[in-house]
Amino acid sequence: MTTFNTVKAIVKRSQDTLLQDAAGAAALVVMLVVGLHLPAFM
């Protein structure tokens, strides 16, 4: 239960920027996928 409590505390502390962080992570994943598939289009 310690890990769950730690994650819960982190989410509670960063609740204001959680949506922005998720959007940033999603953008990084999209850029990675596009970057990996880009040589196939050349």
PDB file of N, CA and C in Angstrom:
ATOM      1  N   MET A   1       0.812  -1.206   0.000  1.00  0.00           N
ATOM      2  CA  MET A   1       0.000   0.000   0.000  1.00  0.00           C
ATOM      3  C   MET A   1       0.849   1.262   0.000  1.00  0.00           C
ATOM      4  N   THR A   2       2.109   1.165   0.281  1.00  0.00           N
ATOM      5  CA  THR A   2       2.959   2.354   0.341  1.00  0.00           C
ATOM      6  C   THR A   2       3.072   3.014  -1.033  1.00  0.00           C
ATOM      7  N   THR A   3       3.231   2.216  -2.075  1.00  0.00           N
ATOM      8  CA  THR A   3       3.336   2.775  -3.420  1.00  0.00           C
ATOM      9  C   THR A   3       2.048   3.492  -3.802  1.00  0.00           C
ATOM     10  N   PHE A   4       0.920   2.883  -3.492  1.00  0.00           N
ATOM     11  CA  PHE A   4      -0.372   3.499  -3.800  1.00  0.00           C
ATOM     12  C   PHE A   4      -0.527   4.821  -3.058  1.00  0.00           C
ATOM     13  N   ASN A   5      -0.141   4.850  -1.811  1.00  0.00           N
ATOM     14  CA  ASN A   5      -0.236   6.094  -1.036  1.00  0.00           C
ATOM     15  C   ASN A   5       0.688   7.173  -1.582  1.00  0.00           C
ATOM     16  N   THR A   6       1.857   6.779  -2.048  1.00  0.00           N
ATOM     17  CA  THR A   6       2.799   7.740  -2.638  1.00  0.00           C
ATOM     18  C   THR A   6       2.233   8.337  -3.909  1.00  0.00           C
ATOM     19  N   VAL A   7       1.707   7.491  -4.790  1.00  0.00           N
ATOM     20  CA  VAL A   7       1.111   7.976  -6.034  1.00  0.00           C
ATOM     21  C   VAL A   7      -0.082   8.874  -5.743  1.00  0.00           C
ATOM     22  N   LYS A   8      -0.870   8.488  -4.777  1.00  0.00           N
ATOM     23  CA  LYS A   8      -2.041   9.284  -4.381  1.00  0.00           C
ATOM     24  C   LYS A   8      -1.612  10.663  -3.878  1.00  0.00           C
ATOM     25  N   ALA A   9      -0.547  10.726  -3.095  1.00  0.00           N
ATOM     26  CA  ALA A   9      -0.050  12.006  -2.581  1.00  0.00           C
ATOM     27  C   ALA A   9       0.504  12.871  -3.707  1.00  0.00           C
ATOM     28  N   ILE A  10       1.195  12.258  -4.658  1.00  0.00           N
ATOM     29  CA  ILE A  10       1.734  13.010  -5.787  1.00  0.00           C
ATOM     30  C   ILE A  10       0.605  13.609  -6.617  1.00  0.00           C
ATOM     31  N   VAL A  11      -0.415  12.828  -6.893  1.00  0.00           N
ATOM     32  CA  VAL A  11      -1.550  13.324  -7.667  1.00  0.00           C
ATOM     33  C   VAL A  11      -2.254  14.452  -6.925  1.00  0.00           C
ATOM     34  N   LYS A  12      -2.382  14.314  -5.633  1.00  0.00           N
ATOM     35  CA  LYS A  12      -3.057  15.349  -4.837  1.00  0.00           C
ATOM     36  C   LYS A  12      -2.268  16.660  -4.847  1.00  0.00           C
ATOM     37  N   ARG A  13      -0.929  16.581  -4.780  1.00  0.00           N
ATOM     38  CA  ARG A  13      -0.096  17.783  -4.779  1.00  0.00           C
ATOM     39  C   ARG A  13      -0.073  18.469  -6.134  1.00  0.00           C
ATOM     40  N   SER A  14      -0.120  17.694  -7.212  1.00  0.00           N
ATOM     41  CA  SER A  14       0.044  18.271  -8.554  1.00  0.00           C
ATOM     42  C   SER A  14      -1.274  18.310  -9.314  1.00  0.00           C
ATOM     43  N   GLN A  15      -2.361  18.413  -8.624  1.00  0.00           N
ATOM     44  CA  GLN A  15      -3.674  18.388  -9.258  1.00  0.00           C
ATOM     45  C   GLN A  15      -3.893  19.585 -10.184  1.00  0.00           C
ATOM     46  N   ASP A  16      -3.253  20.708  -9.900  1.00  0.00           N
ATOM     47  CA  ASP A  16      -3.448  21.909 -10.709  1.00  0.00           C
ATOM     48  C   ASP A  16      -2.859  21.756 -12.106  1.00  0.00           C
ATOM     49  N   THR A  17      -1.747  21.055 -12.224  1.00  0.00           N
ATOM     50  CA  THR A  17      -1.065  20.946 -13.515  1.00  0.00           C
ATOM     51  C   THR A  17      -1.147  19.542 -14.106  1.00  0.00           C
ATOM     52  N   LEU A  18      -1.969  18.696 -13.557  1.00  0.00           N
ATOM     53  CA  LEU A  18      -2.037  17.304 -14.006  1.00  0.00           C
ATOM     54  C   LEU A  18      -2.503  17.206 -15.456  1.00  0.00           C
ATOM     55  N   LEU A  19      -3.485  18.000 -15.856  1.00  0.00           N
ATOM     56  CA  LEU A  19      -3.988  17.961 -17.221  1.00  0.00           C
ATOM     57  C   LEU A  19      -2.933  18.457 -18.208  1.00  0.00           C
ATOM     58  N   GLN A  20      -2.216  19.497 -17.851  1.00  0.00           N
ATOM     59  CA  GLN A  20      -1.156  20.013 -18.716  1.00  0.00           C
ATOM     60  C   GLN A  20      -0.032  18.994 -18.851  1.00  0.00           C
ATOM     61  N   ASP A  21       0.312  18.331 -17.774  1.00  0.00           N
ATOM     62  CA  ASP A  21       1.364  17.308 -17.822  1.00  0.00           C
ATOM     63  C   ASP A  21       0.946  16.137 -18.709  1.00  0.00           C
ATOM     64  N   ALA A  22      -0.314  15.739 -18.621  1.00  0.00           N
ATOM     65  CA  ALA A  22      -0.815  14.641 -19.448  1.00  0.00           C
ATOM     66  C   ALA A  22      -0.799  15.036 -20.924  1.00  0.00           C
ATOM     67  N   ALA A  23      -1.167  16.279 -21.217  1.00  0.00           N
ATOM     68  CA  ALA A  23      -1.146  16.750 -22.603  1.00  0.00           C
ATOM     69  C   ALA A  23       0.286  16.795 -23.130  1.00  0.00           C
ATOM     70  N   GLY A  24       1.223  17.217 -22.310  1.00  0.00           N
ATOM     71  CA  GLY A  24       2.621  17.241 -22.712  1.00  0.00           C
ATOM     72  C   GLY A  24       3.164  15.848 -22.967  1.00  0.00           C
ATOM     73  N   ALA A  25       2.808  14.904 -22.125  1.00  0.00           N
ATOM     74  CA  ALA A  25       3.255  13.524 -22.315  1.00  0.00           C
ATOM     75  C   ALA A  25       2.664  12.941 -23.597  1.00  0.00           C
ATOM     76  N   ALA A  26       1.397  13.237 -23.859  1.00  0.00           N
ATOM     77  CA  ALA A  26       0.766  12.753 -25.086  1.00  0.00           C
ATOM     78  C   ALA A  26       1.438  13.357 -26.319  1.00  0.00           C
ATOM     79  N   ALA A  27       1.795  14.631 -26.245  1.00  0.00           N
ATOM     80  CA  ALA A  27       2.480  15.280 -27.372  1.00  0.00           C
ATOM     81  C   ALA A  27       3.842  14.635 -27.614  1.00  0.00           C
ATOM     82  N   LEU A  28       4.562  14.297 -26.554  1.00  0.00           N
ATOM     83  CA  LEU A  28       5.853  13.633 -26.710  1.00  0.00           C
ATOM     84  C   LEU A  28       5.707  12.263 -27.359  1.00  0.00           C
ATOM     85  N   VAL A  29       4.672  11.531 -26.990  1.00  0.00           N
ATOM     86  CA  VAL A  29       4.434  10.213 -27.584  1.00  0.00           C
ATOM     87  C   VAL A  29       4.114  10.355 -29.064  1.00  0.00           C
ATOM     88  N   VAL A  30       3.289  11.341 -29.411  1.00  0.00           N
ATOM     89  CA  VAL A  30       2.944  11.565 -30.818  1.00  0.00           C
ATOM     90  C   VAL A  30       4.190  11.923 -31.622  1.00  0.00           C
ATOM     91  N   MET A  31       5.027  12.815 -31.076  1.00  0.00           N
ATOM     92  CA  MET A  31       6.253  13.188 -31.787  1.00  0.00           C
ATOM     93  C   MET A  31       7.182  11.994 -31.956  1.00  0.00           C
ATOM     94  N   LEU A  32       7.262  11.129 -30.961  1.00  0.00           N
ATOM     95  CA  LEU A  32       8.100   9.933 -31.060  1.00  0.00           C
ATOM     96  C   LEU A  32       7.599   9.002 -32.152  1.00  0.00           C
ATOM     97  N   VAL A  33       6.295   8.760 -32.177  1.00  0.00           N
ATOM     98  CA  VAL A  33       5.717   7.860 -33.179  1.00  0.00           C
ATOM     99  C   VAL A  33       5.912   8.434 -34.586  1.00  0.00           C
ATOM    100  N   VAL A  34       5.657   9.722 -34.751  1.00  0.00           N
ATOM    101  CA  VAL A  34       5.843  10.350 -36.062  1.00  0.00           C
ATOM    102  C   VAL A  34       7.314  10.299 -36.462  1.00  0.00           C
ATOM    103  N   GLY A  35       8.206  10.586 -35.520  1.00  0.00           N
ATOM    104  CA  GLY A  35       9.630  10.545 -35.826  1.00  0.00           C
ATOM    105  C   GLY A  35      10.113   9.162 -36.217  1.00  0.00           C
ATOM    106  N   LEU A  36       9.562   8.146 -35.615  1.00  0.00           N
ATOM    107  CA  LEU A  36       9.971   6.779 -35.954  1.00  0.00           C
ATOM    108  C   LEU A  36       9.408   6.326 -37.296  1.00  0.00           C
ATOM    109  N   HIS A  37       8.263   6.851 -37.701  1.00  0.00           N
ATOM    110  CA  HIS A  37       7.660   6.457 -38.959  1.00  0.00           C
ATOM    111  C   HIS A  37       8.076   7.356 -40.119  1.00  0.00           C
ATOM    112  N   LEU A  38       8.727   8.466 -39.846  1.00  0.00           N
ATOM    113  CA  LEU A  38       9.107   9.416 -40.884  1.00  0.00           C
ATOM    114  C   LEU A  38      10.048   8.820 -41.937  1.00  0.00           C
ATOM    115  N   PRO A  39      11.042   8.016 -41.568  1.00  0.00           N
ATOM    116  CA  PRO A  39      11.919   7.445 -42.613  1.00  0.00           C
ATOM    117  C   PRO A  39      11.174   6.538 -43.606  1.00  0.00           C
ATOM    118  N   ALA A  40      10.057   5.972 -43.203  1.00  0.00           N
ATOM    119  CA  ALA A  40       9.299   5.103 -44.110  1.00  0.00           C
ATOM    120  C   ALA A  40       8.656   5.899 -45.226  1.00  0.00           C
ATOM    121  N   PHE A  41       8.440   7.194 -45.030  1.00  0.00           N
ATOM    122  CA  PHE A  41       7.792   8.031 -46.035  1.00  0.00           C
ATOM    123  C   PHE A  41       8.784   8.632 -47.023  1.00  0.00           C
ATOM    124  N   MET A  42      10.064   8.537 -46.739  1.00  0.00           N
ATOM    125  CA  MET A  42      11.072   9.151 -47.603  1.00  0.00           C
ATOM    126  C   MET A  42      11.440   8.249 -48.766  1.00  0.00           C
TER     127      MET A  42
END
